[in-house]
Amino acid sequence: MFKPFEIFIGLRYTRAKRRNHFISFISWLSILGIALGVTVLITVLSVMNGFERELRDRILSMTSHASIMAYDGRISDWEAIAERMLEHPRVLGSAPYVQGEAMLRSGRQLTGGIIRGIDPAEEHQVSELPEQMVQGELSALRDGEYGVVLGRLLAENLRVAPGDGVDIMIPQASVTPAGVIPRMRRFRVVGIFDVDMYEYDRSHAFLHIADASRLYRMDGDVTGVRLRLDDLFAAPVVSRVLNQDVPSGTYATDWTRQHGNFFRAIQIEKTVMFVILTLIVAVAAFNIVSTLVMVVTDKQADIAILRTLGVSPASVTGVFMVQGMVIGVLGTGLGLLGGVSLALNVEAIVAGIENLIGIEFLLRDVYYISELPSQLEFRDVWRIGAMALGLSLVSTLYPAWRASRTDPAEALRYE
């Protein structure tokens, strides 16, 4: 069907100046519509890929790939458990922790938070907290000195800086001559971290694991053992294997159970956005139908002459399919160029707009991430390009078939 003859005639019709300017307007409208739809689709998917990557990296910079926990919330022989877990070839590191809720107070400032006791010497094996320090060092947490490392937003809320004191109150009572009062201890701020994620920067505080154990009366026990794996995406499989080796009363869990619903929701949103934005491309692509129908009506005499010269119906079909595909290829090409360019520069563009108008689009206290990330995946680019070209090809079938059904005698009757 697509021989040099059909391609030549189809391209000739595309380049020729049409007597009907409305047809030209519809053709350009179809090209712009396809280009706009493809551009928006690539950009939106790239931004959603960027959000997923940033959230995963930031969450896992503070959350272990897998953890060994106890049903009663206390593990006593955690050293033996950690050694046993490290024997697994896919486990790269381990570190114990103590975790609980507390109220933090400085002067008249009072707020709730999550307290996590860690071993500063082992923490780098399971998280990136040492690299997230913006003031002080994680090594400043020492046994018996009652130091605390706060998230940046939590420190701002409490109006404290390194060297200031913070009172930590936990939901456990102490009996005193004055009555039953909450357990409280004065800690000194020795550092501040910044993950640039509101959930952690606003609520987390880190203590030395020995200080946290005394504060929560754990008597040397820990809440669990955090593990780092060689592949975070293999965490569900590895945790099932580890469950076969853990002692009774304990179990292995992984990050997908804690945050799995969140990332599944992102995948569902990406799928829905792809379908919705594909409809934009489809509407623009099906404008090709109206364009070619009008072209076929306008070229009735030309078609009839070609048929009388011996051109087959299949060749006539090929001529108008080529003409329609030119519109689809132009629109898809412009859309791919615009989408890739916008996806690669969307962070700088949005930052420039924010600086220009003085408005922050992603507020830190509302959204997980305060910047607009983008991650262009060429797999999405090829898929979107193929989808747009496919819709363009489908849109040419009916008008091209109608052109091939033209009766030469009827078309030339009044010529």
Protein backbone atom coordinates (compact mmCIF):
# COMPACT_ATOMS: atom_id res chain seq x y z
CA MET A 1 0.00 0.00 0.00
CA PHE A 2 2.79 2.44 0.85
CA LYS A 3 4.83 2.50 -2.36
CA PRO A 4 6.80 5.55 -3.57
CA PHE A 5 3.82 6.58 -5.70
CA GLU A 6 1.39 6.76 -2.76
CA ILE A 7 3.95 8.50 -0.57
CA PHE A 8 4.73 11.06 -3.28
CA ILE A 9 1.08 11.91 -3.93
CA GLY A 10 0.27 12.01 -0.21
CA LEU A 11 3.15 14.39 0.52
CA ARG A 12 2.18 16.44 -2.53
CA TYR A 13 -1.35 16.90 -1.17
CA THR A 14 0.09 17.85 2.21
CA ARG A 15 2.39 20.54 0.77
CA ALA A 16 -0.13 21.93 -1.71
CA LYS A 17 -1.99 25.13 -0.84
CA ARG A 18 -5.60 24.25 -0.24
CA ARG A 19 -8.40 26.28 -1.64
CA ASN A 20 -10.33 25.73 1.55
CA HIS A 21 -8.50 27.58 4.34
CA PHE A 22 -10.75 25.96 6.93
CA ILE A 23 -9.19 22.58 6.12
CA SER A 24 -5.73 24.04 6.70
CA PHE A 25 -6.90 25.49 10.02
CA ILE A 26 -8.24 22.10 11.16
CA SER A 27 -4.98 20.43 10.09
CA TRP A 28 -2.85 22.85 12.13
CA LEU A 29 -5.27 22.51 15.03
CA SER A 30 -4.82 18.73 14.93
CA ILE A 31 -1.02 19.07 14.87
CA LEU A 32 -1.02 21.52 17.80
CA GLY A 33 -3.50 19.38 19.74
CA ILE A 34 -1.39 16.23 19.40
CA ALA A 35 1.79 18.18 20.25
CA LEU A 36 0.19 19.72 23.34
CA GLY A 37 -1.22 16.41 24.54
CA VAL A 38 2.08 14.57 24.11
CA THR A 39 4.01 17.40 25.80
CA VAL A 40 1.68 17.48 28.81
CA LEU A 41 1.63 13.68 29.10
CA ILE A 42 5.45 13.39 29.11
CA THR A 43 5.81 16.27 31.57
CA VAL A 44 3.18 15.00 34.02
CA LEU A 45 4.54 11.44 34.04
CA SER A 46 8.10 12.76 34.50
CA VAL A 47 7.02 14.89 37.47
CA MET A 48 5.19 11.95 39.04
CA ASN A 49 8.27 9.77 38.49
CA GLY A 50 10.32 12.48 40.19
CA PHE A 51 7.94 12.65 43.15
CA GLU A 52 8.04 8.87 43.55
CA ARG A 53 11.86 8.82 43.40
CA GLU A 54 12.28 11.70 45.86
CA LEU A 55 9.77 10.30 48.33
CA ARG A 56 11.31 6.84 48.16
CA ASP A 57 14.84 8.17 48.62
CA ARG A 58 13.91 10.51 51.46
CA ILE A 59 11.73 8.01 53.26
CA LEU A 60 14.35 5.28 52.98
CA SER A 61 17.09 7.66 54.07
CA MET A 62 15.38 7.57 57.48
CA THR A 63 13.58 4.23 57.31
CA SER A 64 15.35 0.90 57.13
CA HIS A 65 14.76 -1.52 54.28
CA ALA A 66 13.70 -4.20 56.78
CA SER A 67 13.33 -4.56 60.54
CA ILE A 68 13.16 -7.28 63.15
CA MET A 69 10.54 -6.46 65.77
CA ALA A 70 8.90 -8.18 68.73
CA TYR A 71 5.20 -8.72 69.28
CA ASP A 72 5.47 -7.31 72.81
CA GLY A 73 7.61 -4.37 71.67
CA ARG A 74 10.85 -5.47 73.44
CA ILE A 75 13.80 -7.53 72.21
CA SER A 76 16.39 -8.57 74.80
CA ASP A 77 18.86 -10.72 72.83
CA TRP A 78 19.12 -8.32 69.92
CA GLU A 79 22.90 -8.82 69.49
CA ALA A 80 22.42 -12.49 68.62
CA ILE A 81 19.56 -11.63 66.28
CA ALA A 82 21.64 -8.98 64.49
CA GLU A 83 24.53 -11.44 64.01
CA ARG A 84 22.16 -14.06 62.63
CA MET A 85 20.60 -11.60 60.19
CA LEU A 86 24.03 -10.49 58.93
CA GLU A 87 24.71 -14.09 57.90
CA HIS A 88 22.11 -13.65 55.15
CA PRO A 89 23.93 -12.69 51.91
CA ARG A 90 21.47 -9.91 51.06
CA VAL A 91 21.74 -8.14 54.44
CA LEU A 92 24.47 -5.49 54.35
CA GLY A 93 24.12 -3.87 57.77
CA SER A 94 22.16 -3.79 61.03
CA ALA A 95 21.59 -1.42 63.93
CA PRO A 96 19.38 -1.55 67.06
CA TYR A 97 16.93 1.16 68.01
CA VAL A 98 14.53 2.23 70.72
CA GLN A 99 11.47 4.19 69.66
CA GLY A 100 8.57 5.88 71.40
CA GLU A 101 6.38 8.95 71.49
CA ALA A 102 7.03 11.99 73.65
CA MET A 103 6.28 15.64 74.26
CA LEU A 104 9.12 18.12 73.82
CA ARG A 105 9.19 21.44 75.66
CA SER A 106 11.44 24.47 75.55
CA GLY A 107 10.24 27.45 77.56
CA ARG A 108 6.61 27.98 76.59
CA GLN A 109 6.95 26.00 73.34
CA LEU A 110 5.42 22.53 73.56
CA THR A 111 5.00 19.96 70.77
CA GLY A 112 4.74 16.23 70.22
CA GLY A 113 7.34 14.11 68.47
CA ILE A 114 8.83 10.70 67.79
CA ILE A 115 11.86 9.76 69.89
CA ARG A 116 14.29 7.25 68.44
CA GLY A 117 17.29 5.95 70.32
CA ILE A 118 20.14 4.94 68.03
CA ASP A 119 23.76 3.81 68.19
CA PRO A 120 25.64 6.65 66.44
CA ALA A 121 28.50 4.29 65.51
CA GLU A 122 26.14 1.87 63.73
CA GLU A 123 23.49 4.21 62.31
CA HIS A 124 25.33 4.79 59.01
CA GLN A 125 24.81 1.11 58.17
CA VAL A 126 21.02 1.45 57.94
CA SER A 127 20.26 5.12 57.18
CA GLU A 128 21.70 8.33 55.77
CA LEU A 129 21.12 10.35 58.93
CA PRO A 130 24.84 11.20 59.41
CA GLU A 131 24.85 12.82 55.93
CA GLN A 132 21.68 14.80 56.70
CA MET A 133 23.20 16.74 59.62
CA VAL A 134 23.23 20.51 59.00
CA GLN A 135 24.45 21.52 62.46
CA GLY A 136 26.61 19.44 64.79
CA GLU A 137 27.58 15.81 64.34
CA LEU A 138 25.70 12.60 65.05
CA SER A 139 28.73 11.37 66.97
CA ALA A 140 27.97 14.06 69.57
CA LEU A 141 25.32 11.68 70.95
CA ARG A 142 27.18 9.98 73.80
CA ASP A 143 26.05 7.57 76.47
CA GLY A 144 25.14 9.37 79.69
CA GLU A 145 25.45 12.92 78.33
CA TYR A 146 21.75 13.11 77.37
CA GLY A 147 22.17 14.86 74.05
CA VAL A 148 19.44 15.09 71.42
CA VAL A 149 19.46 15.66 67.65
CA LEU A 150 16.35 17.43 66.35
CA GLY A 151 14.80 17.87 62.93
CA ARG A 152 15.23 21.37 61.52
CA LEU A 153 11.53 22.26 61.60
CA LEU A 154 11.12 20.75 65.07
CA ALA A 155 14.03 22.88 66.33
CA GLU A 156 12.48 25.98 64.75
CA ASN A 157 9.15 25.19 66.38
CA LEU A 158 10.80 24.83 69.77
CA ARG A 159 13.02 27.86 69.07
CA VAL A 160 16.19 26.07 70.07
CA ALA A 161 19.68 25.71 68.63
CA PRO A 162 22.68 23.50 69.49
CA GLY A 163 23.60 24.03 73.11
CA ASP A 164 20.02 24.81 74.28
CA GLY A 165 18.05 22.56 76.61
CA VAL A 166 14.89 20.61 75.75
CA ASP A 167 12.62 18.80 78.21
CA ILE A 168 11.37 15.42 76.94
CA MET A 169 8.27 13.99 78.60
CA ILE A 170 7.10 10.44 77.83
CA PRO A 171 3.70 8.81 78.48
CA GLN A 172 4.96 6.88 81.52
CA ALA A 173 4.31 7.91 85.09
CA SER A 174 6.67 8.26 88.05
CA VAL A 175 5.38 8.14 91.62
CA THR A 176 6.75 10.99 93.76
CA PRO A 177 5.80 12.55 97.13
CA ALA A 178 3.98 15.18 95.06
CA GLY A 179 1.92 12.50 93.33
CA VAL A 180 2.00 10.72 89.97
CA ILE A 181 3.75 12.80 87.31
CA PRO A 182 4.91 12.04 83.75
CA ARG A 183 8.50 10.89 83.33
CA MET A 184 10.62 13.81 82.15
CA ARG A 185 14.28 14.41 81.46
CA ARG A 186 16.28 17.45 80.41
CA PHE A 187 18.32 16.97 77.21
CA ARG A 188 20.81 19.23 75.48
CA VAL A 189 20.55 19.87 71.74
CA VAL A 190 23.80 18.67 70.09
CA GLY A 191 22.78 18.72 66.44
CA ILE A 192 20.10 19.41 63.83
CA PHE A 193 19.31 17.36 60.72
CA ASP A 194 17.39 18.30 57.58
CA VAL A 195 15.92 15.64 55.28
CA ASP A 196 13.79 18.28 53.50
CA MET A 197 10.72 16.17 54.23
CA TYR A 198 8.16 17.66 56.60
CA GLU A 199 7.15 14.33 58.16
CA TYR A 200 10.65 13.78 59.57
CA ASP A 201 12.01 17.32 59.96
CA ARG A 202 8.99 18.36 62.04
CA SER A 203 8.53 15.37 64.34
CA HIS A 204 11.70 13.29 64.84
CA ALA A 205 14.31 13.55 67.58
CA PHE A 206 17.27 11.19 68.06
CA LEU A 207 18.93 10.13 71.33
CA HIS A 208 21.76 7.80 72.15
CA ILE A 209 20.25 4.33 72.45
CA ALA A 210 21.48 3.94 76.06
CA ASP A 211 19.86 7.25 77.10
CA ALA A 212 16.63 6.27 75.35
CA SER A 213 16.68 2.88 77.06
CA ARG A 214 16.94 4.55 80.47
CA LEU A 215 14.27 7.10 79.57
CA TYR A 216 11.76 4.43 78.52
CA ARG A 217 12.92 1.93 81.19
CA MET A 218 13.88 -0.68 78.62
CA ASP A 219 16.66 -2.08 80.88
CA GLY A 220 18.96 -2.67 77.91
CA ASP A 221 16.24 -4.08 75.66
CA VAL A 222 15.50 -2.52 72.29
CA THR A 223 12.39 -1.94 70.21
CA GLY A 224 13.88 -3.68 67.18
CA VAL A 225 16.82 -4.19 64.84
CA ARG A 226 16.94 -2.27 61.58
CA LEU A 227 18.48 -3.90 58.49
CA ARG A 228 19.89 -2.57 55.23
CA LEU A 229 19.61 -4.79 52.14
CA ASP A 230 21.52 -4.90 48.87
CA ASP A 231 18.29 -4.18 46.94
CA LEU A 232 15.46 -2.21 48.51
CA PHE A 233 12.97 -3.61 45.97
CA ALA A 234 13.77 -7.12 47.14
CA ALA A 235 12.75 -6.26 50.71
CA PRO A 236 9.41 -8.18 50.66
CA VAL A 237 11.11 -11.37 49.45
CA VAL A 238 14.06 -11.06 51.84
CA SER A 239 11.80 -10.33 54.83
CA ARG A 240 9.83 -13.52 54.15
CA VAL A 241 13.08 -15.49 54.12
CA LEU A 242 14.28 -13.80 57.33
CA ASN A 243 11.00 -14.68 59.05
CA GLN A 244 12.10 -18.31 58.91
CA ASP A 245 15.25 -17.56 60.96
CA VAL A 246 14.02 -15.13 63.62
CA PRO A 247 13.37 -16.39 67.20
CA SER A 248 9.86 -16.98 68.46
CA GLY A 249 8.10 -13.84 69.56
CA THR A 250 9.74 -11.75 66.86
CA TYR A 251 8.99 -11.13 63.19
CA ALA A 252 10.57 -9.49 60.15
CA THR A 253 8.87 -6.62 58.34
CA ASP A 254 9.96 -4.29 55.54
CA TRP A 255 9.42 -0.77 54.26
CA THR A 256 6.76 -1.81 51.74
CA ARG A 257 4.43 -2.78 54.57
CA GLN A 258 4.85 0.59 56.24
CA HIS A 259 4.72 2.74 53.10
CA GLY A 260 3.46 0.29 50.46
CA ASN A 261 -0.03 1.77 50.24
CA PHE A 262 1.47 5.19 49.63
CA PHE A 263 3.58 4.06 46.68
CA ARG A 264 0.73 1.95 45.29
CA ALA A 265 -1.42 5.08 45.37
CA ILE A 266 1.23 6.90 43.33
CA GLN A 267 1.22 4.10 40.75
CA ILE A 268 -2.57 4.24 40.52
CA GLU A 269 -2.44 8.02 40.07
CA LYS A 270 0.15 7.65 37.32
CA THR A 271 -2.06 5.14 35.51
CA VAL A 272 -5.14 7.34 35.84
CA MET A 273 -3.26 10.43 34.66
CA PHE A 274 -1.93 8.50 31.67
CA VAL A 275 -5.45 7.45 30.69
CA ILE A 276 -6.92 10.94 31.17
CA LEU A 277 -4.17 12.71 29.25
CA THR A 278 -4.28 10.06 26.53
CA LEU A 279 -7.85 11.19 25.89
CA ILE A 280 -6.47 14.67 25.09
CA VAL A 281 -4.18 13.14 22.48
CA ALA A 282 -7.06 11.01 21.18
CA VAL A 283 -9.32 14.04 20.71
CA ALA A 284 -6.59 15.83 18.77
CA ALA A 285 -5.78 12.71 16.75
CA PHE A 286 -9.40 12.15 15.78
CA ASN A 287 -9.48 15.69 14.39
CA ILE A 288 -7.52 14.06 11.59
CA VAL A 289 -10.75 12.27 10.65
CA SER A 290 -12.61 15.51 10.01
CA THR A 291 -9.59 16.97 8.20
CA LEU A 292 -9.25 14.02 5.83
CA VAL A 293 -13.00 13.74 5.24
CA MET A 294 -13.01 17.35 4.04
CA VAL A 295 -9.87 16.74 1.97
CA VAL A 296 -11.47 13.69 0.35
CA THR A 297 -14.58 15.74 -0.49
CA ASP A 298 -12.38 18.54 -1.87
CA LYS A 299 -10.30 16.10 -3.97
CA GLN A 300 -13.14 14.07 -5.47
CA ALA A 301 -12.18 15.03 -9.02
CA ASP A 302 -8.49 14.27 -8.44
CA ILE A 303 -9.35 10.88 -7.02
CA ALA A 304 -11.57 10.10 -9.98
CA ILE A 305 -8.81 11.03 -12.44
CA LEU A 306 -6.30 8.84 -10.58
CA ARG A 307 -8.76 5.95 -10.72
CA THR A 308 -9.31 6.37 -14.49
CA LEU A 309 -5.52 6.30 -14.94
CA GLY A 310 -5.47 2.85 -13.35
CA VAL A 311 -4.67 3.63 -9.71
CA SER A 312 -6.11 0.89 -7.49
CA PRO A 313 -8.39 1.56 -4.49
CA ALA A 314 -5.61 0.34 -2.19
CA SER A 315 -3.25 2.98 -3.61
CA VAL A 316 -5.87 5.70 -3.08
CA THR A 317 -6.21 4.50 0.51
CA GLY A 318 -2.45 4.73 0.92
CA VAL A 319 -2.35 8.31 -0.43
CA PHE A 320 -4.72 9.62 2.22
CA MET A 321 -3.23 7.51 5.01
CA VAL A 322 0.15 9.10 4.22
CA GLN A 323 -1.44 12.55 4.37
CA GLY A 324 -3.02 11.82 7.74
CA MET A 325 0.13 10.26 9.14
CA VAL A 326 2.09 13.40 8.20
CA ILE A 327 -0.15 15.32 10.60
CA GLY A 328 0.34 12.67 13.27
CA VAL A 329 4.12 12.51 12.84
CA LEU A 330 4.49 16.30 12.93
CA GLY A 331 2.32 16.62 16.03
CA THR A 332 4.00 13.70 17.80
CA GLY A 333 7.48 14.96 16.91
CA LEU A 334 6.76 18.46 18.20
CA GLY A 335 5.16 16.99 21.33
CA LEU A 336 8.11 14.70 22.06
CA LEU A 337 10.55 17.59 21.61
CA GLY A 338 8.49 19.89 23.82
CA GLY A 339 7.79 17.23 26.44
CA VAL A 340 11.41 16.13 26.80
CA SER A 341 12.63 19.76 26.94
CA LEU A 342 10.02 20.72 29.54
CA ALA A 343 10.56 17.58 31.66
CA LEU A 344 14.32 18.20 31.79
CA ASN A 345 13.90 21.84 32.84
CA VAL A 346 10.62 21.87 34.81
CA GLU A 347 12.40 22.26 38.17
CA ALA A 348 14.23 25.39 37.06
CA ILE A 349 11.13 26.76 35.32
CA VAL A 350 8.90 26.34 38.39
CA ALA A 351 11.59 27.80 40.68
CA GLY A 352 11.88 30.81 38.38
CA ILE A 353 8.10 31.33 38.37
CA GLU A 354 8.02 31.08 42.18
CA ASN A 355 10.76 33.71 42.49
CA LEU A 356 9.04 35.92 39.94
CA ILE A 357 5.61 36.00 41.54
CA GLY A 358 6.75 35.41 45.13
CA ILE A 359 4.48 32.39 45.75
CA GLU A 360 5.59 28.93 46.90
CA PHE A 361 3.52 26.32 45.08
CA LEU A 362 4.42 23.38 47.36
CA LEU A 363 4.22 24.48 50.97
CA ARG A 364 6.45 22.54 53.37
CA ASP A 365 3.73 22.07 55.97
CA VAL A 366 1.21 20.75 53.42
CA TYR A 367 3.15 18.60 50.96
CA TYR A 368 5.75 15.90 51.55
CA ILE A 369 8.20 17.65 49.20
CA SER A 370 8.61 21.41 48.83
CA GLU A 371 10.24 21.26 45.37
CA LEU A 372 8.94 20.00 42.03
CA PRO A 373 11.19 17.10 41.00
CA SER A 374 11.25 15.51 37.55
CA GLN A 375 12.65 12.21 36.32
CA LEU A 376 12.43 11.62 32.58
CA GLU A 377 12.20 7.96 31.63
CA PHE A 378 12.69 7.26 27.94
CA ARG A 379 10.50 4.18 28.30
CA ASP A 380 7.60 6.58 28.87
CA VAL A 381 8.71 8.72 25.92
CA TRP A 382 8.69 5.77 23.51
CA ARG A 383 5.37 4.51 24.86
CA ILE A 384 3.69 7.91 24.52
CA GLY A 385 5.13 8.44 21.03
CA ALA A 386 3.94 5.03 19.87
CA MET A 387 0.50 5.67 21.36
CA ALA A 388 0.15 9.03 19.56
CA LEU A 389 1.26 7.58 16.23
CA GLY A 390 -1.07 4.63 16.69
CA LEU A 391 -4.06 6.89 17.31
CA SER A 392 -3.10 8.98 14.27
CA LEU A 393 -2.94 5.87 12.11
CA VAL A 394 -6.34 4.66 13.32
CA SER A 395 -7.80 8.10 12.59
CA THR A 396 -6.80 7.85 8.91
CA LEU A 397 -8.50 4.52 8.24
CA TYR A 398 -12.10 5.65 7.67
CA PRO A 399 -11.38 8.74 5.48
CA ALA A 400 -8.84 6.77 3.41
CA TRP A 401 -11.30 3.91 2.97
CA ARG A 402 -14.00 6.37 1.94
CA ALA A 403 -11.66 7.90 -0.66
CA SER A 404 -10.98 4.45 -2.13
CA ARG A 405 -14.75 3.95 -2.60
CA THR A 406 -15.08 7.02 -4.86
CA ASP A 407 -16.88 6.27 -8.14
CA PRO A 408 -14.97 8.00 -11.01
CA ALA A 409 -18.06 8.36 -13.21
CA GLU A 410 -20.12 9.93 -10.43
CA ALA A 411 -17.28 12.26 -9.35
CA LEU A 412 -16.62 13.53 -12.92
CA ARG A 413 -20.24 13.87 -13.97
CA TYR A 414 -20.40 17.63 -13.45
CA GLU A 415 -16.72 18.45 -14.12
